[in-house]
Amino acid sequence: MLVLLQIVDLLLSVLMWIIVVQAIMSWLVAFNVINTYNDFVRQLLYGLARITEPVYRPVRRIMPDFGALDLSPMVVLLVIYILRNIIIPSLFRSAI
């Protein structure tokens, strides 16, 4: 049980960093620091979108539309924070 909780915590940590990298990359594209004409940048953005879209989709269905402002990454990061710092440690304590 403890190993399973550690694996879930590790996967949530990796997902958190993927979301942060995607947010930074999207800001860099929006402010024209990097452009999507570069094959590597385009492939990286596409890969990050393919990873995070299944996580964002349920959140986007629930949240109201704010136009160009997408708050779903922030909501997902908040849920990951709650899982990693509140729920998993309490499960870890109860498993011991």
PDB file of N, CA and C in Angstrom:
ATOM      1  N   MET A   1       0.821  -1.197   0.000  1.00  0.00           N
ATOM      2  CA  MET A   1       0.000   0.000   0.000  1.00  0.00           C
ATOM      3  C   MET A   1       0.866   1.262   0.000  1.00  0.00           C
ATOM      4  N   LEU A   2       1.938   1.221   0.784  1.00  0.00           N
ATOM      5  CA  LEU A   2       2.807   2.392   0.858  1.00  0.00           C
ATOM      6  C   LEU A   2       3.501   2.658  -0.471  1.00  0.00           C
ATOM      7  N   VAL A   3       3.913   1.608  -1.136  1.00  0.00           N
ATOM      8  CA  VAL A   3       4.580   1.766  -2.429  1.00  0.00           C
ATOM      9  C   VAL A   3       3.612   2.354  -3.449  1.00  0.00           C
ATOM     10  N   LEU A   4       2.376   1.922  -3.402  1.00  0.00           N
ATOM     11  CA  LEU A   4       1.367   2.446  -4.324  1.00  0.00           C
ATOM     12  C   LEU A   4       1.132   3.937  -4.093  1.00  0.00           C
ATOM     13  N   LEU A   5       1.090   4.357  -2.829  1.00  0.00           N
ATOM     14  CA  LEU A   5       0.928   5.781  -2.522  1.00  0.00           C
ATOM     15  C   LEU A   5       2.132   6.597  -2.989  1.00  0.00           C
ATOM     16  N   GLN A   6       3.318   6.027  -2.871  1.00  0.00           N
ATOM     17  CA  GLN A   6       4.510   6.718  -3.341  1.00  0.00           C
ATOM     18  C   GLN A   6       4.514   6.849  -4.863  1.00  0.00           C
ATOM     19  N   ILE A   7       4.044   5.830  -5.556  1.00  0.00           N
ATOM     20  CA  ILE A   7       3.967   5.886  -7.015  1.00  0.00           C
ATOM     21  C   ILE A   7       2.960   6.937  -7.449  1.00  0.00           C
ATOM     22  N   VAL A   8       1.802   6.982  -6.790  1.00  0.00           N
ATOM     23  CA  VAL A   8       0.784   7.991  -7.115  1.00  0.00           C
ATOM     24  C   VAL A   8       1.332   9.383  -6.859  1.00  0.00           C
ATOM     25  N   ASP A   9       2.047   9.563  -5.749  1.00  0.00           N
ATOM     26  CA  ASP A   9       2.641  10.859  -5.437  1.00  0.00           C
ATOM     27  C   ASP A   9       3.665  11.263  -6.494  1.00  0.00           C
ATOM     28  N   LEU A  10       4.473  10.318  -6.936  1.00  0.00           N
ATOM     29  CA  LEU A  10       5.460  10.605  -7.983  1.00  0.00           C
ATOM     30  C   LEU A  10       4.782  10.981  -9.298  1.00  0.00           C
ATOM     31  N   LEU A  11       3.747  10.262  -9.675  1.00  0.00           N
ATOM     32  CA  LEU A  11       3.028  10.571 -10.914  1.00  0.00           C
ATOM     33  C   LEU A  11       2.355  11.935 -10.845  1.00  0.00           C
ATOM     34  N   LEU A  12       1.794  12.276  -9.688  1.00  0.00           N
ATOM     35  CA  LEU A  12       1.194  13.598  -9.529  1.00  0.00           C
ATOM     36  C   LEU A  12       2.247  14.700  -9.607  1.00  0.00           C
ATOM     37  N   SER A  13       3.419  14.435  -9.072  1.00  0.00           N
ATOM     38  CA  SER A  13       4.519  15.395  -9.152  1.00  0.00           C
ATOM     39  C   SER A  13       4.948  15.613 -10.602  1.00  0.00           C
ATOM     40  N   VAL A  14       5.072  14.536 -11.351  1.00  0.00           N
ATOM     41  CA  VAL A  14       5.448  14.653 -12.772  1.00  0.00           C
ATOM     42  C   VAL A  14       4.374  15.416 -13.540  1.00  0.00           C
ATOM     43  N   LEU A  15       3.106  15.110 -13.286  1.00  0.00           N
ATOM     44  CA  LEU A  15       2.017  15.826 -13.964  1.00  0.00           C
ATOM     45  C   LEU A  15       2.031  17.309 -13.620  1.00  0.00           C
ATOM     46  N   MET A  16       2.335  17.636 -12.373  1.00  0.00           N
ATOM     47  CA  MET A  16       2.414  19.037 -11.977  1.00  0.00           C
ATOM     48  C   MET A  16       3.488  19.767 -12.775  1.00  0.00           C
ATOM     49  N   TRP A  17       4.654  19.157 -12.920  1.00  0.00           N
ATOM     50  CA  TRP A  17       5.725  19.800 -13.672  1.00  0.00           C
ATOM     51  C   TRP A  17       5.407  19.896 -15.165  1.00  0.00           C
ATOM     52  N   ILE A  18       4.707  18.915 -15.696  1.00  0.00           N
ATOM     53  CA  ILE A  18       4.293  18.986 -17.105  1.00  0.00           C
ATOM     54  C   ILE A  18       3.353  20.161 -17.312  1.00  0.00           C
ATOM     55  N   ILE A  19       2.425  20.378 -16.395  1.00  0.00           N
ATOM     56  CA  ILE A  19       1.484  21.494 -16.501  1.00  0.00           C
ATOM     57  C   ILE A  19       2.216  22.825 -16.394  1.00  0.00           C
ATOM     58  N   VAL A  20       3.185  22.922 -15.487  1.00  0.00           N
ATOM     59  CA  VAL A  20       3.952  24.159 -15.341  1.00  0.00           C
ATOM     60  C   VAL A  20       4.746  24.455 -16.613  1.00  0.00           C
ATOM     61  N   VAL A  21       5.393  23.441 -17.173  1.00  0.00           N
ATOM     62  CA  VAL A  21       6.169  23.629 -18.408  1.00  0.00           C
ATOM     63  C   VAL A  21       5.253  24.048 -19.553  1.00  0.00           C
ATOM     64  N   GLN A  22       4.075  23.430 -19.633  1.00  0.00           N
ATOM     65  CA  GLN A  22       3.134  23.798 -20.696  1.00  0.00           C
ATOM     66  C   GLN A  22       2.675  25.245 -20.542  1.00  0.00           C
ATOM     67  N   ALA A  23       2.420  25.682 -19.318  1.00  0.00           N
ATOM     68  CA  ALA A  23       1.995  27.063 -19.095  1.00  0.00           C
ATOM     69  C   ALA A  23       3.095  28.047 -19.484  1.00  0.00           C
ATOM     70  N   ILE A  24       4.319  27.756 -19.099  1.00  0.00           N
ATOM     71  CA  ILE A  24       5.430  28.647 -19.449  1.00  0.00           C
ATOM     72  C   ILE A  24       5.634  28.682 -20.958  1.00  0.00           C
ATOM     73  N   MET A  25       5.560  27.516 -21.602  1.00  0.00           N
ATOM     74  CA  MET A  25       5.711  27.477 -23.062  1.00  0.00           C
ATOM     75  C   MET A  25       4.603  28.265 -23.753  1.00  0.00           C
ATOM     76  N   SER A  26       3.383  28.166 -23.263  1.00  0.00           N
ATOM     77  CA  SER A  26       2.288  28.902 -23.903  1.00  0.00           C
ATOM     78  C   SER A  26       2.463  30.402 -23.724  1.00  0.00           C
ATOM     79  N   TRP A  27       2.986  30.826 -22.564  1.00  0.00           N
ATOM     80  CA  TRP A  27       3.259  32.247 -22.388  1.00  0.00           C
ATOM     81  C   TRP A  27       4.360  32.720 -23.328  1.00  0.00           C
ATOM     82  N   LEU A  28       5.403  31.900 -23.486  1.00  0.00           N
ATOM     83  CA  LEU A  28       6.486  32.279 -24.392  1.00  0.00           C
ATOM     84  C   LEU A  28       6.002  32.372 -25.836  1.00  0.00           C
ATOM     85  N   VAL A  29       5.091  31.498 -26.221  1.00  0.00           N
ATOM     86  CA  VAL A  29       4.522  31.577 -27.572  1.00  0.00           C
ATOM     87  C   VAL A  29       3.622  32.803 -27.692  1.00  0.00           C
ATOM     88  N   ALA A  30       2.821  33.080 -26.662  1.00  0.00           N
ATOM     89  CA  ALA A  30       1.902  34.217 -26.715  1.00  0.00           C
ATOM     90  C   ALA A  30       2.641  35.546 -26.797  1.00  0.00           C
ATOM     91  N   PHE A  31       3.784  35.667 -26.112  1.00  0.00           N
ATOM     92  CA  PHE A  31       4.557  36.902 -26.143  1.00  0.00           C
ATOM     93  C   PHE A  31       5.616  36.897 -27.239  1.00  0.00           C
ATOM     94  N   ASN A  32       5.544  35.905 -28.140  1.00  0.00           N
ATOM     95  CA  ASN A  32       6.396  35.809 -29.320  1.00  0.00           C
ATOM     96  C   ASN A  32       7.883  35.730 -28.973  1.00  0.00           C
ATOM     97  N   VAL A  33       8.193  35.101 -27.844  1.00  0.00           N
ATOM     98  CA  VAL A  33       9.587  34.846 -27.503  1.00  0.00           C
ATOM     99  C   VAL A  33      10.077  33.648 -28.297  1.00  0.00           C
ATOM    100  N   ILE A  34       9.238  32.629 -28.392  1.00  0.00           N
ATOM    101  CA  ILE A  34       9.511  31.502 -29.270  1.00  0.00           C
ATOM    102  C   ILE A  34       8.338  31.385 -30.230  1.00  0.00           C
ATOM    103  N   ASN A  35       8.580  30.838 -31.391  1.00  0.00           N
ATOM    104  CA  ASN A  35       7.487  30.701 -32.350  1.00  0.00           C
ATOM    105  C   ASN A  35       7.268  29.243 -32.693  1.00  0.00           C
ATOM    106  N   THR A  36       6.104  28.971 -33.215  1.00  0.00           N
ATOM    107  CA  THR A  36       5.742  27.590 -33.530  1.00  0.00           C
ATOM    108  C   THR A  36       6.205  27.172 -34.925  1.00  0.00           C
ATOM    109  N   TYR A  37       6.964  28.004 -35.604  1.00  0.00           N
ATOM    110  CA  TYR A  37       7.533  27.595 -36.883  1.00  0.00           C
ATOM    111  C   TYR A  37       8.686  26.615 -36.688  1.00  0.00           C
ATOM    112  N   ASN A  38       9.267  26.630 -35.507  1.00  0.00           N
ATOM    113  CA  ASN A  38      10.327  25.687 -35.181  1.00  0.00           C
ATOM    114  C   ASN A  38       9.691  24.316 -34.938  1.00  0.00           C
ATOM    115  N   ASP A  39      10.201  23.297 -35.607  1.00  0.00           N
ATOM    116  CA  ASP A  39       9.628  21.956 -35.494  1.00  0.00           C
ATOM    117  C   ASP A  39       9.690  21.412 -34.069  1.00  0.00           C
ATOM    118  N   PHE A  40      10.803  21.644 -33.387  1.00  0.00           N
ATOM    119  CA  PHE A  40      10.935  21.136 -32.026  1.00  0.00           C
ATOM    120  C   PHE A  40       9.909  21.770 -31.101  1.00  0.00           C
ATOM    121  N   VAL A  41       9.730  23.075 -31.189  1.00  0.00           N
ATOM    122  CA  VAL A  41       8.765  23.781 -30.341  1.00  0.00           C
ATOM    123  C   VAL A  41       7.356  23.301 -30.640  1.00  0.00           C
ATOM    124  N   ARG A  42       7.032  23.159 -31.912  1.00  0.00           N
ATOM    125  CA  ARG A  42       5.692  22.706 -32.300  1.00  0.00           C
ATOM    126  C   ARG A  42       5.426  21.289 -31.799  1.00  0.00           C
ATOM    127  N   GLN A  43       6.406  20.402 -31.942  1.00  0.00           N
ATOM    128  CA  GLN A  43       6.251  19.026 -31.469  1.00  0.00           C
ATOM    129  C   GLN A  43       6.133  18.973 -29.945  1.00  0.00           C
ATOM    130  N   LEU A  44       6.912  19.790 -29.252  1.00  0.00           N
ATOM    131  CA  LEU A  44       6.855  19.817 -27.793  1.00  0.00           C
ATOM    132  C   LEU A  44       5.502  20.318 -27.312  1.00  0.00           C
ATOM    133  N   LEU A  45       4.996  21.386 -27.905  1.00  0.00           N
ATOM    134  CA  LEU A  45       3.676  21.898 -27.533  1.00  0.00           C
ATOM    135  C   LEU A  45       2.581  20.886 -27.841  1.00  0.00           C
ATOM    136  N   TYR A  46       2.685  20.215 -28.966  1.00  0.00           N
ATOM    137  CA  TYR A  46       1.706  19.196 -29.338  1.00  0.00           C
ATOM    138  C   TYR A  46       1.741  18.035 -28.346  1.00  0.00           C
ATOM    139  N   GLY A  47       2.938  17.592 -27.977  1.00  0.00           N
ATOM    140  CA  GLY A  47       3.062  16.496 -27.020  1.00  0.00           C
ATOM    141  C   GLY A  47       2.526  16.863 -25.644  1.00  0.00           C
ATOM    142  N   LEU A  48       2.834  18.078 -25.187  1.00  0.00           N
ATOM    143  CA  LEU A  48       2.319  18.520 -23.898  1.00  0.00           C
ATOM    144  C   LEU A  48       0.800  18.642 -23.921  1.00  0.00           C
ATOM    145  N   ALA A  49       0.259  19.113 -25.035  1.00  0.00           N
ATOM    146  CA  ALA A  49      -1.201  19.218 -25.151  1.00  0.00           C
ATOM    147  C   ALA A  49      -1.856  17.843 -25.142  1.00  0.00           C
ATOM    148  N   ARG A  50      -1.226  16.873 -25.790  1.00  0.00           N
ATOM    149  CA  ARG A  50      -1.782  15.507 -25.804  1.00  0.00           C
ATOM    150  C   ARG A  50      -1.761  14.879 -24.412  1.00  0.00           C
ATOM    151  N   ILE A  51      -0.778  15.228 -23.612  1.00  0.00           N
ATOM    152  CA  ILE A  51      -0.697  14.679 -22.259  1.00  0.00           C
ATOM    153  C   ILE A  51      -1.711  15.337 -21.336  1.00  0.00           C
ATOM    154  N   THR A  52      -1.857  16.645 -21.433  1.00  0.00           N
ATOM    155  CA  THR A  52      -2.677  17.370 -20.465  1.00  0.00           C
ATOM    156  C   THR A  52      -4.141  17.510 -20.863  1.00  0.00           C
ATOM    157  N   GLU A  53      -4.474  17.361 -22.102  1.00  0.00           N
ATOM    158  CA  GLU A  53      -5.866  17.559 -22.529  1.00  0.00           C
ATOM    159  C   GLU A  53      -6.847  16.614 -21.834  1.00  0.00           C
ATOM    160  N   PRO A  54      -6.538  15.320 -21.663  1.00  0.00           N
ATOM    161  CA  PRO A  54      -7.492  14.466 -20.926  1.00  0.00           C
ATOM    162  C   PRO A  54      -7.700  14.894 -19.474  1.00  0.00           C
ATOM    163  N   VAL A  55      -6.714  15.566 -18.884  1.00  0.00           N
ATOM    164  CA  VAL A  55      -6.857  16.042 -17.511  1.00  0.00           C
ATOM    165  C   VAL A  55      -7.678  17.325 -17.480  1.00  0.00           C
ATOM    166  N   TYR A  56      -7.492  18.190 -18.468  1.00  0.00           N
ATOM    167  CA  TYR A  56      -8.203  19.467 -18.508  1.00  0.00           C
ATOM    168  C   TYR A  56      -9.660  19.316 -18.929  1.00  0.00           C
ATOM    169  N   ARG A  57      -9.973  18.352 -19.759  1.00  0.00           N
ATOM    170  CA  ARG A  57     -11.303  18.233 -20.353  1.00  0.00           C
ATOM    171  C   ARG A  57     -12.440  18.196 -19.324  1.00  0.00           C
ATOM    172  N   PRO A  58     -12.363  17.368 -18.268  1.00  0.00           N
ATOM    173  CA  PRO A  58     -13.465  17.383 -17.285  1.00  0.00           C
ATOM    174  C   PRO A  58     -13.588  18.713 -16.547  1.00  0.00           C
ATOM    175  N   VAL A  59     -12.456  19.366 -16.303  1.00  0.00           N
ATOM    176  CA  VAL A  59     -12.483  20.651 -15.606  1.00  0.00           C
ATOM    177  C   VAL A  59     -13.116  21.713 -16.506  1.00  0.00           C
ATOM    178  N   ARG A  60     -12.795  21.689 -17.785  1.00  0.00           N
ATOM    179  CA  ARG A  60     -13.356  22.673 -18.724  1.00  0.00           C
ATOM    180  C   ARG A  60     -14.856  22.495 -18.903  1.00  0.00           C
ATOM    181  N   ARG A  61     -15.350  21.252 -18.757  1.00  0.00           N
ATOM    182  CA  ARG A  61     -16.791  21.028 -18.855  1.00  0.00           C
ATOM    183  C   ARG A  61     -17.531  21.653 -17.688  1.00  0.00           C
ATOM    184  N   ILE A  62     -16.915  21.642 -16.506  1.00  0.00           N
ATOM    185  CA  ILE A  62     -17.568  22.153 -15.300  1.00  0.00           C
ATOM    186  C   ILE A  62     -17.461  23.671 -15.205  1.00  0.00           C
ATOM    187  N   MET A  63     -16.296  24.211 -15.529  1.00  0.00           N
ATOM    188  CA  MET A  63     -16.069  25.653 -15.355  1.00  0.00           C
ATOM    189  C   MET A  63     -16.780  26.471 -16.422  1.00  0.00           C
ATOM    190  N   PRO A  64     -17.199  27.693 -16.063  1.00  0.00           N
ATOM    191  CA  PRO A  64     -17.792  28.570 -17.078  1.00  0.00           C
ATOM    192  C   PRO A  64     -16.735  29.050 -18.071  1.00  0.00           C
ATOM    193  N   ASP A  65     -17.186  29.492 -19.236  1.00  0.00           N
ATOM    194  CA  ASP A  65     -16.279  29.966 -20.280  1.00  0.00           C
ATOM    195  C   ASP A  65     -15.849  31.394 -19.967  1.00  0.00           C
ATOM    196  N   PHE A  66     -14.547  31.613 -19.869  1.00  0.00           N
ATOM    197  CA  PHE A  66     -13.999  32.935 -19.612  1.00  0.00           C
ATOM    198  C   PHE A  66     -13.374  33.540 -20.862  1.00  0.00           C
ATOM    199  N   GLY A  67     -13.722  33.028 -22.015  1.00  0.00           N
ATOM    200  CA  GLY A  67     -13.162  33.538 -23.258  1.00  0.00           C
ATOM    201  C   GLY A  67     -11.746  33.026 -23.452  1.00  0.00           C
ATOM    202  N   ALA A  68     -10.808  33.934 -23.637  1.00  0.00           N
ATOM    203  CA  ALA A  68      -9.418  33.552 -23.900  1.00  0.00           C
ATOM    204  C   ALA A  68      -8.680  33.123 -22.637  1.00  0.00           C
ATOM    205  N   LEU A  69      -9.262  33.388 -21.472  1.00  0.00           N
ATOM    206  CA  LEU A  69      -8.614  33.029 -20.205  1.00  0.00           C
ATOM    207  C   LEU A  69      -8.972  31.604 -19.823  1.00  0.00           C
ATOM    208  N   ASP A  70      -7.973  30.738 -19.778  1.00  0.00           N
ATOM    209  CA  ASP A  70      -8.185  29.329 -19.441  1.00  0.00           C
ATOM    210  C   ASP A  70      -7.649  29.070 -18.037  1.00  0.00           C
ATOM    211  N   LEU A  71      -8.556  28.838 -17.102  1.00  0.00           N
ATOM    212  CA  LEU A  71      -8.168  28.614 -15.718  1.00  0.00           C
ATOM    213  C   LEU A  71      -8.086  27.138 -15.351  1.00  0.00           C
ATOM    214  N   SER A  72      -8.318  26.258 -16.308  1.00  0.00           N
ATOM    215  CA  SER A  72      -8.295  24.830 -15.999  1.00  0.00           C
ATOM    216  C   SER A  72      -6.926  24.340 -15.520  1.00  0.00           C
ATOM    217  N   PRO A  73      -5.780  24.829 -16.042  1.00  0.00           N
ATOM    218  CA  PRO A  73      -4.501  24.381 -15.468  1.00  0.00           C
ATOM    219  C   PRO A  73      -4.359  24.759 -13.996  1.00  0.00           C
ATOM    220  N   MET A  74      -4.850  25.940 -13.628  1.00  0.00           N
ATOM    221  CA  MET A  74      -4.757  26.362 -12.238  1.00  0.00           C
ATOM    222  C   MET A  74      -5.627  25.483 -11.334  1.00  0.00           C
ATOM    223  N   VAL A  75      -6.804  25.109 -11.811  1.00  0.00           N
ATOM    224  CA  VAL A  75      -7.686  24.240 -11.036  1.00  0.00           C
ATOM    225  C   VAL A  75      -7.056  22.860 -10.878  1.00  0.00           C
ATOM    226  N   VAL A  76      -6.480  22.342 -11.955  1.00  0.00           N
ATOM    227  CA  VAL A  76      -5.838  21.026 -11.893  1.00  0.00           C
ATOM    228  C   VAL A  76      -4.637  21.066 -10.949  1.00  0.00           C
ATOM    229  N   LEU A  77      -3.848  22.138 -10.988  1.00  0.00           N
ATOM    230  CA  LEU A  77      -2.726  22.260 -10.059  1.00  0.00           C
ATOM    231  C   LEU A  77      -3.203  22.341  -8.610  1.00  0.00           C
ATOM    232  N   LEU A  78      -4.323  23.004  -8.370  1.00  0.00           N
ATOM    233  CA  LEU A  78      -4.886  23.074  -7.028  1.00  0.00           C
ATOM    234  C   LEU A  78      -5.331  21.689  -6.554  1.00  0.00           C
ATOM    235  N   VAL A  79      -5.960  20.922  -7.427  1.00  0.00           N
ATOM    236  CA  VAL A  79      -6.382  19.566  -7.074  1.00  0.00           C
ATOM    237  C   VAL A  79      -5.163  18.686  -6.797  1.00  0.00           C
ATOM    238  N   ILE A  80      -4.126  18.817  -7.608  1.00  0.00           N
ATOM    239  CA  ILE A  80      -2.904  18.043  -7.377  1.00  0.00           C
ATOM    240  C   ILE A  80      -2.286  18.427  -6.041  1.00  0.00           C
ATOM    241  N   TYR A  81      -2.264  19.707  -5.730  1.00  0.00           N
ATOM    242  CA  TYR A  81      -1.721  20.167  -4.448  1.00  0.00           C
ATOM    243  C   TYR A  81      -2.507  19.564  -3.279  1.00  0.00           C
ATOM    244  N   ILE A  82      -3.823  19.576  -3.376  1.00  0.00           N
ATOM    245  CA  ILE A  82      -4.662  19.002  -2.318  1.00  0.00           C
ATOM    246  C   ILE A  82      -4.404  17.502  -2.187  1.00  0.00           C
ATOM    247  N   LEU A  83      -4.315  16.826  -3.314  1.00  0.00           N
ATOM    248  CA  LEU A  83      -4.046  15.391  -3.264  1.00  0.00           C
ATOM    249  C   LEU A  83      -2.687  15.087  -2.631  1.00  0.00           C
ATOM    250  N   ARG A  84      -1.664  15.816  -3.049  1.00  0.00           N
ATOM    251  CA  ARG A  84      -0.303  15.514  -2.577  1.00  0.00           C
ATOM    252  C   ARG A  84      -0.073  15.929  -1.137  1.00  0.00           C
ATOM    253  N   ASN A  85      -0.715  16.991  -0.668  1.00  0.00           N
ATOM    254  CA  ASN A  85      -0.399  17.508   0.657  1.00  0.00           C
ATOM    255  C   ASN A  85      -1.436  17.205   1.730  1.00  0.00           C
ATOM    256  N   ILE A  86      -2.627  16.779   1.345  1.00  0.00           N
ATOM    257  CA  ILE A  86      -3.653  16.503   2.342  1.00  0.00           C
ATOM    258  C   ILE A  86      -4.106  15.053   2.286  1.00  0.00           C
ATOM    259  N   ILE A  87      -4.520  14.593   1.122  1.00  0.00           N
ATOM    260  CA  ILE A  87      -5.138  13.273   1.024  1.00  0.00           C
ATOM    261  C   ILE A  87      -4.115  12.149   1.093  1.00  0.00           C
ATOM    262  N   ILE A  88      -3.047  12.221   0.306  1.00  0.00           N
ATOM    263  CA  ILE A  88      -2.052  11.148   0.304  1.00  0.00           C
ATOM    264  C   ILE A  88      -1.347  11.022   1.665  1.00  0.00           C
ATOM    265  N   PRO A  89      -0.951  12.129   2.337  1.00  0.00           N
ATOM    266  CA  PRO A  89      -0.352  11.937   3.666  1.00  0.00           C
ATOM    267  C   PRO A  89      -1.311  11.311   4.690  1.00  0.00           C
ATOM    268  N   SER A  90      -2.596  11.661   4.612  1.00  0.00           N
ATOM    269  CA  SER A  90      -3.544  11.035   5.544  1.00  0.00           C
ATOM    270  C   SER A  90      -3.720   9.548   5.228  1.00  0.00           C
ATOM    271  N   LEU A  91      -3.723   9.183   3.951  1.00  0.00           N
ATOM    272  CA  LEU A  91      -3.774   7.770   3.598  1.00  0.00           C
ATOM    273  C   LEU A  91      -2.494   7.052   4.029  1.00  0.00           C
ATOM    274  N   PHE A  92      -1.378   7.742   3.913  1.00  0.00           N
ATOM    275  CA  PHE A  92      -0.101   7.172   4.312  1.00  0.00           C
ATOM    276  C   PHE A  92      -0.073   6.901   5.815  1.00  0.00           C
ATOM    277  N   ARG A  93      -0.585   7.857   6.602  1.00  0.00           N
ATOM    278  CA  ARG A  93      -0.629   7.661   8.061  1.00  0.00           C
ATOM    279  C   ARG A  93      -1.578   6.530   8.443  1.00  0.00           C
ATOM    280  N   SER A  94      -2.691   6.413   7.731  1.00  0.00           N
ATOM    281  CA  SER A  94      -3.644   5.352   8.076  1.00  0.00           C
ATOM    282  C   SER A  94      -3.136   3.967   7.622  1.00  0.00           C
ATOM    283  N   ALA A  95      -2.232   3.943   6.626  1.00  0.00           N
ATOM    284  CA  ALA A  95      -1.704   2.664   6.161  1.00  0.00           C
ATOM    285  C   ALA A  95      -0.630   2.110   7.093  1.00  0.00           C
ATOM    286  N   ILE A  96      -0.038   2.996   7.875  1.00  0.00           N
ATOM    287  CA  ILE A  96       1.049   2.547   8.777  1.00  0.00           C
ATOM    288  C   ILE A  96       0.502   1.892   9.989  1.00  0.00           C
TER     289      ILE A  96
END
